[in-house]
Amino acid sequence: HQFKLVYDRYSTGRFDLGSSMIGAPYPNPFNSNLFVPLNISNHRNAEVTMEVMDLNGKVLAKKSWKNELKSGYQLLSLEPNGTDTSLSSGVYFYHLTIRENDNTVDKMGRIIKN
């Protein structure tokens, strides 16, 4: 698939703050893979959704995780030439959401594919 969970837990202390957080995608601009760090405070009721959109807002790729999640630091990977959708060179928007019980953490931004 185009998106995958690279590690299910990695303890660096950078994001292990007891709350859900979404880090900045890197490297950006990217050529092969784009990584997005995130922290899940409680995986039992958590769901993560990632979307990649073109400049007109059309969703080109979308993936959700629920059962694969663990509590703690995790790293998502975007493979732009995956089987679902290939991304050509250009500018795209991403939207990443973590939903846990009554809490929602959203991050939107721009990514550039070389």
PDB file of N, CA and C in Angstrom:
ATOM      1  N   HIS A   1       0.833  -1.192   0.000  1.00  0.00           N
ATOM      2  CA  HIS A   1       0.000   0.000   0.000  1.00  0.00           C
ATOM      3  C   HIS A   1       0.871   1.245   0.000  1.00  0.00           C
ATOM      4  N   GLN A   2       0.246   2.341  -0.261  1.00  0.00           N
ATOM      5  CA  GLN A   2       0.975   3.594  -0.354  1.00  0.00           C
ATOM      6  C   GLN A   2       1.419   4.108   1.005  1.00  0.00           C
ATOM      7  N   PHE A   3       0.590   3.947   2.044  1.00  0.00           N
ATOM      8  CA  PHE A   3       0.954   4.372   3.386  1.00  0.00           C
ATOM      9  C   PHE A   3       1.212   3.130   4.221  1.00  0.00           C
ATOM     10  N   LYS A   4       2.159   3.214   5.127  1.00  0.00           N
ATOM     11  CA  LYS A   4       2.360   2.098   6.046  1.00  0.00           C
ATOM     12  C   LYS A   4       2.910   2.601   7.364  1.00  0.00           C
ATOM     13  N   LEU A   5       2.723   1.807   8.399  1.00  0.00           N
ATOM     14  CA  LEU A   5       3.280   2.071   9.707  1.00  0.00           C
ATOM     15  C   LEU A   5       4.673   1.471   9.713  1.00  0.00           C
ATOM     16  N   VAL A   6       5.697   2.309   9.864  1.00  0.00           N
ATOM     17  CA  VAL A   6       7.069   1.828   9.775  1.00  0.00           C
ATOM     18  C   VAL A   6       7.482   1.134  11.065  1.00  0.00           C
ATOM     19  N   TYR A   7       7.373   1.808  12.196  1.00  0.00           N
ATOM     20  CA  TYR A   7       7.582   1.133  13.463  1.00  0.00           C
ATOM     21  C   TYR A   7       6.324   1.328  14.268  1.00  0.00           C
ATOM     22  N   ASP A   8       6.006   0.377  15.115  1.00  0.00           N
ATOM     23  CA  ASP A   8       4.830   0.570  15.957  1.00  0.00           C
ATOM     24  C   ASP A   8       5.199   1.197  17.294  1.00  0.00           C
ATOM     25  N   ARG A   9       6.472   1.158  17.673  1.00  0.00           N
ATOM     26  CA  ARG A   9       6.885   1.881  18.892  1.00  0.00           C
ATOM     27  C   ARG A   9       8.384   2.099  18.852  1.00  0.00           C
ATOM     28  N   TYR A  10       8.799   3.300  19.179  1.00  0.00           N
ATOM     29  CA  TYR A  10      10.220   3.634  19.230  1.00  0.00           C
ATOM     30  C   TYR A  10      10.376   4.699  20.290  1.00  0.00           C
ATOM     31  N   SER A  11      11.089   4.427  21.329  1.00  0.00           N
ATOM     32  CA  SER A  11      11.160   5.331  22.471  1.00  0.00           C
ATOM     33  C   SER A  11      12.343   6.281  22.346  1.00  0.00           C
ATOM     34  N   THR A  12      12.098   7.480  21.833  1.00  0.00           N
ATOM     35  CA  THR A  12      13.155   8.478  21.732  1.00  0.00           C
ATOM     36  C   THR A  12      13.000   9.548  22.799  1.00  0.00           C
ATOM     37  N   GLY A  13      11.812   9.668  23.378  1.00  0.00           N
ATOM     38  CA  GLY A  13      11.553  10.731  24.334  1.00  0.00           C
ATOM     39  C   GLY A  13      11.150  12.027  23.662  1.00  0.00           C
ATOM     40  N   ARG A  14      11.345  12.138  22.338  1.00  0.00           N
ATOM     41  CA  ARG A  14      11.007  13.386  21.641  1.00  0.00           C
ATOM     42  C   ARG A  14       9.516  13.672  21.673  1.00  0.00           C
ATOM     43  N   PHE A  15       8.686  12.654  21.524  1.00  0.00           N
ATOM     44  CA  PHE A  15       7.249  12.866  21.475  1.00  0.00           C
ATOM     45  C   PHE A  15       6.514  12.189  22.620  1.00  0.00           C
ATOM     46  N   ASP A  16       7.230  11.510  23.494  1.00  0.00           N
ATOM     47  CA  ASP A  16       6.587  10.767  24.564  1.00  0.00           C
ATOM     48  C   ASP A  16       6.214  11.711  25.696  1.00  0.00           C
ATOM     49  N   LEU A  17       5.188  12.515  25.470  1.00  0.00           N
ATOM     50  CA  LEU A  17       4.790  13.535  26.438  1.00  0.00           C
ATOM     51  C   LEU A  17       3.442  13.236  27.076  1.00  0.00           C
ATOM     52  N   GLY A  18       2.917  12.040  26.848  1.00  0.00           N
ATOM     53  CA  GLY A  18       1.652  11.671  27.453  1.00  0.00           C
ATOM     54  C   GLY A  18       0.435  12.184  26.719  1.00  0.00           C
ATOM     55  N   SER A  19       0.630  12.858  25.606  1.00  0.00           N
ATOM     56  CA  SER A  19      -0.499  13.324  24.812  1.00  0.00           C
ATOM     57  C   SER A  19      -0.230  13.013  23.352  1.00  0.00           C
ATOM     58  N   SER A  20      -1.284  12.984  22.568  1.00  0.00           N
ATOM     59  CA  SER A  20      -1.129  12.693  21.145  1.00  0.00           C
ATOM     60  C   SER A  20      -0.574  13.908  20.428  1.00  0.00           C
ATOM     61  N   MET A  21       0.405  13.667  19.580  1.00  0.00           N
ATOM     62  CA  MET A  21       1.058  14.744  18.845  1.00  0.00           C
ATOM     63  C   MET A  21       1.389  14.262  17.433  1.00  0.00           C
ATOM     64  N   ILE A  22       1.463  15.213  16.505  1.00  0.00           N
ATOM     65  CA  ILE A  22       1.851  14.932  15.126  1.00  0.00           C
ATOM     66  C   ILE A  22       3.046  15.813  14.801  1.00  0.00           C
ATOM     67  N   GLY A  23       4.123  15.205  14.355  1.00  0.00           N
ATOM     68  CA  GLY A  23       5.323  15.946  13.996  1.00  0.00           C
ATOM     69  C   GLY A  23       5.293  16.403  12.547  1.00  0.00           C
ATOM     70  N   ALA A  24       6.349  17.087  12.137  1.00  0.00           N
ATOM     71  CA  ALA A  24       6.464  17.590  10.769  1.00  0.00           C
ATOM     72  C   ALA A  24       6.952  16.486   9.831  1.00  0.00           C
ATOM     73  N   PRO A  25       6.362  16.392   8.643  1.00  0.00           N
ATOM     74  CA  PRO A  25       6.834  15.409   7.665  1.00  0.00           C
ATOM     75  C   PRO A  25       8.272  15.706   7.247  1.00  0.00           C
ATOM     76  N   TYR A  26       9.046  14.650   7.016  1.00  0.00           N
ATOM     77  CA  TYR A  26      10.432  14.838   6.587  1.00  0.00           C
ATOM     78  C   TYR A  26      10.844  13.682   5.693  1.00  0.00           C
ATOM     79  N   PRO A  27      11.797  13.842   4.797  1.00  0.00           N
ATOM     80  CA  PRO A  27      12.306  15.144   4.347  1.00  0.00           C
ATOM     81  C   PRO A  27      11.248  15.827   3.482  1.00  0.00           C
ATOM     82  N   ASN A  28      11.288  17.108   3.414  1.00  0.00           N
ATOM     83  CA  ASN A  28      10.313  17.854   2.624  1.00  0.00           C
ATOM     84  C   ASN A  28      11.033  19.053   2.019  1.00  0.00           C
ATOM     85  N   PRO A  29      11.319  19.017   0.726  1.00  0.00           N
ATOM     86  CA  PRO A  29      10.816  18.136  -0.323  1.00  0.00           C
ATOM     87  C   PRO A  29      11.388  16.712  -0.210  1.00  0.00           C
ATOM     88  N   PHE A  30      10.626  15.752  -0.787  1.00  0.00           N
ATOM     89  CA  PHE A  30      11.030  14.361  -0.736  1.00  0.00           C
ATOM     90  C   PHE A  30      11.056  13.769  -2.141  1.00  0.00           C
ATOM     91  N   ASN A  31      11.795  12.675  -2.262  1.00  0.00           N
ATOM     92  CA  ASN A  31      11.892  12.010  -3.556  1.00  0.00           C
ATOM     93  C   ASN A  31      11.329  10.599  -3.489  1.00  0.00           C
ATOM     94  N   SER A  32      11.787   9.813  -2.518  1.00  0.00           N
ATOM     95  CA  SER A  32      11.322   8.428  -2.455  1.00  0.00           C
ATOM     96  C   SER A  32      10.262   8.250  -1.372  1.00  0.00           C
ATOM     97  N   ASN A  33      10.627   8.335  -0.104  1.00  0.00           N
ATOM     98  CA  ASN A  33       9.661   8.177   0.985  1.00  0.00           C
ATOM     99  C   ASN A  33       9.570   9.449   1.816  1.00  0.00           C
ATOM    100  N   LEU A  34       8.385   9.686   2.347  1.00  0.00           N
ATOM    101  CA  LEU A  34       8.127  10.790   3.264  1.00  0.00           C
ATOM    102  C   LEU A  34       7.694  10.176   4.583  1.00  0.00           C
ATOM    103  N   PHE A  35       8.266  10.631   5.685  1.00  0.00           N
ATOM    104  CA  PHE A  35       7.950  10.084   7.000  1.00  0.00           C
ATOM    105  C   PHE A  35       7.246  11.128   7.850  1.00  0.00           C
ATOM    106  N   VAL A  36       6.275  10.684   8.654  1.00  0.00           N
ATOM    107  CA  VAL A  36       5.546  11.564   9.563  1.00  0.00           C
ATOM    108  C   VAL A  36       5.566  10.938  10.954  1.00  0.00           C
ATOM    109  N   PRO A  37       6.272  11.572  11.916  1.00  0.00           N
ATOM    110  CA  PRO A  37       6.278  11.040  13.283  1.00  0.00           C
ATOM    111  C   PRO A  37       5.008  11.444  14.022  1.00  0.00           C
ATOM    112  N   LEU A  38       4.535  10.547  14.880  1.00  0.00           N
ATOM    113  CA  LEU A  38       3.384  10.886  15.711  1.00  0.00           C
ATOM    114  C   LEU A  38       3.459  10.123  17.017  1.00  0.00           C
ATOM    115  N   ASN A  39       2.754  10.618  18.001  1.00  0.00           N
ATOM    116  CA  ASN A  39       2.682   9.975  19.307  1.00  0.00           C
ATOM    117  C   ASN A  39       1.214   9.720  19.625  1.00  0.00           C
ATOM    118  N   ILE A  40       0.910   8.490  20.035  1.00  0.00           N
ATOM    119  CA  ILE A  40      -0.444   8.109  20.426  1.00  0.00           C
ATOM    120  C   ILE A  40      -0.434   7.921  21.938  1.00  0.00           C
ATOM    121  N   SER A  41      -1.278   8.674  22.656  1.00  0.00           N
ATOM    122  CA  SER A  41      -1.269   8.559  24.118  1.00  0.00           C
ATOM    123  C   SER A  41      -1.977   7.293  24.584  1.00  0.00           C
ATOM    124  N   ASN A  42      -3.049   6.885  23.925  1.00  0.00           N
ATOM    125  CA  ASN A  42      -3.771   5.670  24.307  1.00  0.00           C
ATOM    126  C   ASN A  42      -4.325   5.019  23.048  1.00  0.00           C
ATOM    127  N   HIS A  43      -3.699   3.942  22.614  1.00  0.00           N
ATOM    128  CA  HIS A  43      -4.066   3.318  21.345  1.00  0.00           C
ATOM    129  C   HIS A  43      -5.400   2.579  21.384  1.00  0.00           C
ATOM    130  N   ARG A  44      -5.932   2.297  22.549  1.00  0.00           N
ATOM    131  CA  ARG A  44      -7.131   1.449  22.635  1.00  0.00           C
ATOM    132  C   ARG A  44      -8.320   2.044  21.899  1.00  0.00           C
ATOM    133  N   ASN A  45      -8.488   3.341  21.952  1.00  0.00           N
ATOM    134  CA  ASN A  45      -9.612   3.991  21.278  1.00  0.00           C
ATOM    135  C   ASN A  45      -9.135   4.969  20.217  1.00  0.00           C
ATOM    136  N   ALA A  46      -7.959   4.728  19.657  1.00  0.00           N
ATOM    137  CA  ALA A  46      -7.371   5.683  18.710  1.00  0.00           C
ATOM    138  C   ALA A  46      -7.575   5.242  17.272  1.00  0.00           C
ATOM    139  N   GLU A  47      -7.672   6.240  16.407  1.00  0.00           N
ATOM    140  CA  GLU A  47      -7.690   6.019  14.958  1.00  0.00           C
ATOM    141  C   GLU A  47      -6.884   7.141  14.318  1.00  0.00           C
ATOM    142  N   VAL A  48      -6.033   6.779  13.367  1.00  0.00           N
ATOM    143  CA  VAL A  48      -5.226   7.750  12.634  1.00  0.00           C
ATOM    144  C   VAL A  48      -5.639   7.685  11.176  1.00  0.00           C
ATOM    145  N   THR A  49      -5.849   8.853  10.571  1.00  0.00           N
ATOM    146  CA  THR A  49      -6.200   8.940   9.156  1.00  0.00           C
ATOM    147  C   THR A  49      -5.260   9.921   8.474  1.00  0.00           C
ATOM    148  N   MET A  50      -4.748   9.530   7.307  1.00  0.00           N
ATOM    149  CA  MET A  50      -3.888  10.414   6.522  1.00  0.00           C
ATOM    150  C   MET A  50      -4.444  10.527   5.118  1.00  0.00           C
ATOM    151  N   GLU A  51      -4.500  11.762   4.621  1.00  0.00           N
ATOM    152  CA  GLU A  51      -4.944  12.040   3.258  1.00  0.00           C
ATOM    153  C   GLU A  51      -3.884  12.871   2.552  1.00  0.00           C
ATOM    154  N   VAL A  52      -3.722  12.635   1.259  1.00  0.00           N
ATOM    155  CA  VAL A  52      -2.886  13.479   0.405  1.00  0.00           C
ATOM    156  C   VAL A  52      -3.795  14.027  -0.683  1.00  0.00           C
ATOM    157  N   MET A  53      -3.743  15.357  -0.875  1.00  0.00           N
ATOM    158  CA  MET A  53      -4.627  16.033  -1.822  1.00  0.00           C
ATOM    159  C   MET A  53      -3.828  16.857  -2.811  1.00  0.00           C
ATOM    160  N   ASP A  54      -4.393  17.053  -3.991  1.00  0.00           N
ATOM    161  CA  ASP A  54      -3.771  17.964  -4.944  1.00  0.00           C
ATOM    162  C   ASP A  54      -4.112  19.399  -4.552  1.00  0.00           C
ATOM    163  N   LEU A  55      -3.631  20.364  -5.319  1.00  0.00           N
ATOM    164  CA  LEU A  55      -3.838  21.780  -4.969  1.00  0.00           C
ATOM    165  C   LEU A  55      -5.293  22.215  -5.064  1.00  0.00           C
ATOM    166  N   ASN A  56      -6.132  21.424  -5.738  1.00  0.00           N
ATOM    167  CA  ASN A  56      -7.563  21.727  -5.822  1.00  0.00           C
ATOM    168  C   ASN A  56      -8.353  21.083  -4.694  1.00  0.00           C
ATOM    169  N   GLY A  57      -7.682  20.337  -3.824  1.00  0.00           N
ATOM    170  CA  GLY A  57      -8.349  19.684  -2.705  1.00  0.00           C
ATOM    171  C   GLY A  57      -8.865  18.295  -3.006  1.00  0.00           C
ATOM    172  N   LYS A  58      -8.593  17.778  -4.193  1.00  0.00           N
ATOM    173  CA  LYS A  58      -9.025  16.420  -4.546  1.00  0.00           C
ATOM    174  C   LYS A  58      -8.156  15.406  -3.802  1.00  0.00           C
ATOM    175  N   VAL A  59      -8.796  14.475  -3.098  1.00  0.00           N
ATOM    176  CA  VAL A  59      -8.069  13.457  -2.342  1.00  0.00           C
ATOM    177  C   VAL A  59      -7.497  12.430  -3.322  1.00  0.00           C
ATOM    178  N   LEU A  60      -6.164  12.312  -3.303  1.00  0.00           N
ATOM    179  CA  LEU A  60      -5.469  11.366  -4.182  1.00  0.00           C
ATOM    180  C   LEU A  60      -5.192  10.047  -3.483  1.00  0.00           C
ATOM    181  N   ALA A  61      -5.020  10.094  -2.171  1.00  0.00           N
ATOM    182  CA  ALA A  61      -4.748   8.883  -1.396  1.00  0.00           C
ATOM    183  C   ALA A  61      -5.258   9.091   0.017  1.00  0.00           C
ATOM    184  N   LYS A  62      -5.776   8.013   0.619  1.00  0.00           N
ATOM    185  CA  LYS A  62      -6.284   8.078   1.989  1.00  0.00           C
ATOM    186  C   LYS A  62      -6.068   6.712   2.638  1.00  0.00           C
ATOM    187  N   LYS A  63      -5.656   6.740   3.891  1.00  0.00           N
ATOM    188  CA  LYS A  63      -5.441   5.502   4.636  1.00  0.00           C
ATOM    189  C   LYS A  63      -5.763   5.753   6.095  1.00  0.00           C
ATOM    190  N   SER A  64      -6.388   4.770   6.746  1.00  0.00           N
ATOM    191  CA  SER A  64      -6.695   4.842   8.173  1.00  0.00           C
ATOM    192  C   SER A  64      -6.082   3.647   8.887  1.00  0.00           C
ATOM    193  N   TRP A  65      -5.670   3.887  10.135  1.00  0.00           N
ATOM    194  CA  TRP A  65      -5.148   2.831  10.999  1.00  0.00           C
ATOM    195  C   TRP A  65      -5.941   2.830  12.285  1.00  0.00           C
ATOM    196  N   LYS A  66      -6.217   1.657  12.800  1.00  0.00           N
ATOM    197  CA  LYS A  66      -6.873   1.542  14.100  1.00  0.00           C
ATOM    198  C   LYS A  66      -6.244   0.400  14.889  1.00  0.00           C
ATOM    199  N   ASN A  67      -6.404  -0.814  14.430  1.00  0.00           N
ATOM    200  CA  ASN A  67      -5.914  -1.979  15.169  1.00  0.00           C
ATOM    201  C   ASN A  67      -4.394  -2.095  15.157  1.00  0.00           C
ATOM    202  N   GLU A  68      -3.723  -1.499  14.176  1.00  0.00           N
ATOM    203  CA  GLU A  68      -2.265  -1.586  14.077  1.00  0.00           C
ATOM    204  C   GLU A  68      -1.545  -0.652  15.045  1.00  0.00           C
ATOM    205  N   LEU A  69      -2.258   0.287  15.639  1.00  0.00           N
ATOM    206  CA  LEU A  69      -1.638   1.311  16.476  1.00  0.00           C
ATOM    207  C   LEU A  69      -1.224   0.777  17.835  1.00  0.00           C
ATOM    208  N   LYS A  70      -0.161   1.352  18.363  1.00  0.00           N
ATOM    209  CA  LYS A  70       0.310   1.094  19.725  1.00  0.00           C
ATOM    210  C   LYS A  70       0.392   2.441  20.434  1.00  0.00           C
ATOM    211  N   SER A  71       0.454   2.424  21.735  1.00  0.00           N
ATOM    212  CA  SER A  71       0.690   3.660  22.468  1.00  0.00           C
ATOM    213  C   SER A  71       2.156   4.037  22.315  1.00  0.00           C
ATOM    214  N   GLY A  72       2.433   5.319  22.215  1.00  0.00           N
ATOM    215  CA  GLY A  72       3.810   5.801  22.107  1.00  0.00           C
ATOM    216  C   GLY A  72       4.138   6.303  20.714  1.00  0.00           C
ATOM    217  N   TYR A  73       5.425   6.450  20.482  1.00  0.00           N
ATOM    218  CA  TYR A  73       5.961   7.013  19.237  1.00  0.00           C
ATOM    219  C   TYR A  73       5.780   6.045  18.080  1.00  0.00           C
ATOM    220  N   GLN A  74       5.330   6.585  16.939  1.00  0.00           N
ATOM    221  CA  GLN A  74       5.155   5.798  15.724  1.00  0.00           C
ATOM    222  C   GLN A  74       5.567   6.632  14.534  1.00  0.00           C
ATOM    223  N   LEU A  75       5.875   5.968  13.459  1.00  0.00           N
ATOM    224  CA  LEU A  75       6.322   6.656  12.262  1.00  0.00           C
ATOM    225  C   LEU A  75       5.526   6.146  11.075  1.00  0.00           C
ATOM    226  N   LEU A  76       4.842   7.071  10.390  1.00  0.00           N
ATOM    227  CA  LEU A  76       4.116   6.715   9.180  1.00  0.00           C
ATOM    228  C   LEU A  76       5.014   6.970   7.985  1.00  0.00           C
ATOM    229  N   SER A  77       4.854   6.177   6.946  1.00  0.00           N
ATOM    230  CA  SER A  77       5.643   6.352   5.736  1.00  0.00           C
ATOM    231  C   SER A  77       4.710   6.508   4.544  1.00  0.00           C
ATOM    232  N   LEU A  78       4.983   7.509   3.725  1.00  0.00           N
ATOM    233  CA  LEU A  78       4.280   7.693   2.462  1.00  0.00           C
ATOM    234  C   LEU A  78       5.225   7.274   1.353  1.00  0.00           C
ATOM    235  N   GLU A  79       4.816   6.282   0.589  1.00  0.00           N
ATOM    236  CA  GLU A  79       5.597   5.829  -0.558  1.00  0.00           C
ATOM    237  C   GLU A  79       4.900   6.359  -1.799  1.00  0.00           C
ATOM    238  N   PRO A  80       5.439   7.395  -2.430  1.00  0.00           N
ATOM    239  CA  PRO A  80       4.723   8.087  -3.508  1.00  0.00           C
ATOM    240  C   PRO A  80       4.504   7.256  -4.758  1.00  0.00           C
ATOM    241  N   ASN A  81       5.199   6.163  -4.913  1.00  0.00           N
ATOM    242  CA  ASN A  81       4.997   5.315  -6.088  1.00  0.00           C
ATOM    243  C   ASN A  81       4.405   3.979  -5.692  1.00  0.00           C
ATOM    244  N   GLY A  82       3.503   4.003  -4.706  1.00  0.00           N
ATOM    245  CA  GLY A  82       2.850   2.792  -4.237  1.00  0.00           C
ATOM    246  C   GLY A  82       1.848   2.270  -5.249  1.00  0.00           C
ATOM    247  N   THR A  83       1.222   1.177  -4.908  1.00  0.00           N
ATOM    248  CA  THR A  83       0.313   0.530  -5.843  1.00  0.00           C
ATOM    249  C   THR A  83      -1.003   1.278  -6.000  1.00  0.00           C
ATOM    250  N   ASP A  84      -1.377   2.093  -5.005  1.00  0.00           N
ATOM    251  CA  ASP A  84      -2.667   2.778  -5.070  1.00  0.00           C
ATOM    252  C   ASP A  84      -2.628   3.997  -5.988  1.00  0.00           C
ATOM    253  N   THR A  85      -1.682   4.877  -5.759  1.00  0.00           N
ATOM    254  CA  THR A  85      -1.597   6.123  -6.518  1.00  0.00           C
ATOM    255  C   THR A  85      -0.139   6.538  -6.626  1.00  0.00           C
ATOM    256  N   SER A  86       0.284   6.899  -7.808  1.00  0.00           N
ATOM    257  CA  SER A  86       1.629   7.446  -7.974  1.00  0.00           C
ATOM    258  C   SER A  86       1.539   8.960  -7.939  1.00  0.00           C
ATOM    259  N   LEU A  87       2.464   9.576  -7.218  1.00  0.00           N
ATOM    260  CA  LEU A  87       2.514  11.029  -7.167  1.00  0.00           C
ATOM    261  C   LEU A  87       3.637  11.494  -8.072  1.00  0.00           C
ATOM    262  N   SER A  88       3.313  12.354  -9.016  1.00  0.00           N
ATOM    263  CA  SER A  88       4.340  12.939  -9.864  1.00  0.00           C
ATOM    264  C   SER A  88       4.971  14.117  -9.118  1.00  0.00           C
ATOM    265  N   SER A  89       6.018  14.667  -9.665  1.00  0.00           N
ATOM    266  CA  SER A  89       6.659  15.827  -9.043  1.00  0.00           C
ATOM    267  C   SER A  89       5.653  16.956  -8.933  1.00  0.00           C
ATOM    268  N   GLY A  90       5.650  17.623  -7.781  1.00  0.00           N
ATOM    269  CA  GLY A  90       4.715  18.726  -7.595  1.00  0.00           C
ATOM    270  C   GLY A  90       4.468  19.020  -6.133  1.00  0.00           C
ATOM    271  N   VAL A  91       3.508  19.894  -5.896  1.00  0.00           N
ATOM    272  CA  VAL A  91       3.134  20.332  -4.552  1.00  0.00           C
ATOM    273  C   VAL A  91       1.794  19.694  -4.201  1.00  0.00           C
ATOM    274  N   TYR A  92       1.711  19.181  -2.982  1.00  0.00           N
ATOM    275  CA  TYR A  92       0.501  18.526  -2.491  1.00  0.00           C
ATOM    276  C   TYR A  92       0.206  19.005  -1.080  1.00  0.00           C
ATOM    277  N   PHE A  93      -1.031  18.798  -0.646  1.00  0.00           N
ATOM    278  CA  PHE A  93      -1.420  19.052   0.730  1.00  0.00           C
ATOM    279  C   PHE A  93      -1.607  17.712   1.428  1.00  0.00           C
ATOM    280  N   TYR A  94      -1.335  17.684   2.731  1.00  0.00           N
ATOM    281  CA  TYR A  94      -1.635  16.495   3.519  1.00  0.00           C
ATOM    282  C   TYR A  94      -2.513  16.895   4.691  1.00  0.00           C
ATOM    283  N   HIS A  95      -3.304  15.946   5.163  1.00  0.00           N
ATOM    284  CA  HIS A  95      -4.144  16.136   6.345  1.00  0.00           C
ATOM    285  C   HIS A  95      -4.030  14.861   7.171  1.00  0.00           C
ATOM    286  N   LEU A  96      -3.549  14.998   8.384  1.00  0.00           N
ATOM    287  CA  LEU A  96      -3.355  13.871   9.278  1.00  0.00           C
ATOM    288  C   LEU A  96      -4.179  14.114  10.537  1.00  0.00           C
ATOM    289  N   THR A  97      -4.953  13.115  10.942  1.00  0.00           N
ATOM    290  CA  THR A  97      -5.836  13.244  12.097  1.00  0.00           C
ATOM    291  C   THR A  97      -5.632  12.072  13.049  1.00  0.00           C
ATOM    292  N   ILE A  98      -5.533  12.374  14.339  1.00  0.00           N
ATOM    293  CA  ILE A  98      -5.548  11.365  15.387  1.00  0.00           C
ATOM    294  C   ILE A  98      -6.825  11.583  16.187  1.00  0.00           C
ATOM    295  N   ARG A  99      -7.654  10.555  16.279  1.00  0.00           N
ATOM    296  CA  ARG A  99      -8.875  10.627  17.084  1.00  0.00           C
ATOM    297  C   ARG A  99      -8.736   9.633  18.235  1.00  0.00           C
ATOM    298  N   GLU A 100      -8.885  10.131  19.466  1.00  0.00           N
ATOM    299  CA  GLU A 100      -8.850   9.292  20.666  1.00  0.00           C
ATOM    300  C   GLU A 100      -9.979   9.738  21.570  1.00  0.00           C
ATOM    301  N   ASN A 101     -10.922   8.844  21.826  1.00  0.00           N
ATOM    302  CA  ASN A 101     -12.066   9.172  22.679  1.00  0.00           C
ATOM    303  C   ASN A 101     -12.669  10.502  22.227  1.00  0.00           C
ATOM    304  N   ASP A 102     -12.652  11.521  23.084  1.00  0.00           N
ATOM    305  CA  ASP A 102     -13.242  12.824  22.749  1.00  0.00           C
ATOM    306  C   ASP A 102     -12.215  13.802  22.205  1.00  0.00           C
ATOM    307  N   ASN A 103     -10.966  13.399  22.061  1.00  0.00           N
ATOM    308  CA  ASN A 103      -9.905  14.303  21.617  1.00  0.00           C
ATOM    309  C   ASN A 103      -9.552  14.057  20.160  1.00  0.00           C
ATOM    310  N   THR A 104      -9.297  15.144  19.453  1.00  0.00           N
ATOM    311  CA  THR A 104      -8.864  15.072  18.057  1.00  0.00           C
ATOM    312  C   THR A 104      -7.660  15.976  17.879  1.00  0.00           C
ATOM    313  N   VAL A 105      -6.621  15.444  17.239  1.00  0.00           N
ATOM    314  CA  VAL A 105      -5.438  16.224  16.892  1.00  0.00           C
ATOM    315  C   VAL A 105      -5.352  16.228  15.369  1.00  0.00           C
ATOM    316  N   ASP A 106      -5.305  17.414  14.773  1.00  0.00           N
ATOM    317  CA  ASP A 106      -5.235  17.568  13.320  1.00  0.00           C
ATOM    318  C   ASP A 106      -3.967  18.297  12.938  1.00  0.00           C
ATOM    319  N   LYS A 107      -3.421  17.921  11.801  1.00  0.00           N
ATOM    320  CA  LYS A 107      -2.303  18.670  11.231  1.00  0.00           C
ATOM    321  C   LYS A 107      -2.485  18.669   9.726  1.00  0.00           C
ATOM    322  N   MET A 108      -2.375  19.856   9.159  1.00  0.00           N
ATOM    323  CA  MET A 108      -2.442  20.005   7.706  1.00  0.00           C
ATOM    324  C   MET A 108      -1.206  20.767   7.261  1.00  0.00           C
ATOM    325  N   GLY A 109      -0.790  20.505   6.045  1.00  0.00           N
ATOM    326  CA  GLY A 109       0.366  21.215   5.550  1.00  0.00           C
ATOM    327  C   GLY A 109       0.644  20.910   4.102  1.00  0.00           C
ATOM    328  N   ARG A 110       1.789  21.369   3.662  1.00  0.00           N
ATOM    329  CA  ARG A 110       2.202  21.227   2.258  1.00  0.00           C
ATOM    330  C   ARG A 110       3.395  20.291   2.203  1.00  0.00           C
ATOM    331  N   ILE A 111       3.377  19.408   1.223  1.00  0.00           N
ATOM    332  CA  ILE A 111       4.531  18.559   0.960  1.00  0.00           C
ATOM    333  C   ILE A 111       4.909  18.725  -0.504  1.00  0.00           C
ATOM    334  N   ILE A 112       6.206  18.572  -0.791  1.00  0.00           N
ATOM    335  CA  ILE A 112       6.694  18.761  -2.151  1.00  0.00           C
ATOM    336  C   ILE A 112       7.380  17.484  -2.600  1.00  0.00           C
ATOM    337  N   LYS A 113       6.954  16.953  -3.733  1.00  0.00           N
ATOM    338  CA  LYS A 113       7.553  15.751  -4.318  1.00  0.00           C
ATOM    339  C   LYS A 113       8.492  16.183  -5.415  1.00  0.00           C
ATOM    340  N   ASN A 114       9.777  15.788  -5.303  1.00  0.00           N
ATOM    341  CA  ASN A 114      10.768  16.099  -6.343  1.00  0.00           C
ATOM    342  C   ASN A 114      10.599  15.184  -7.538  1.00  0.00           C
TER     343      ASN A 114
END
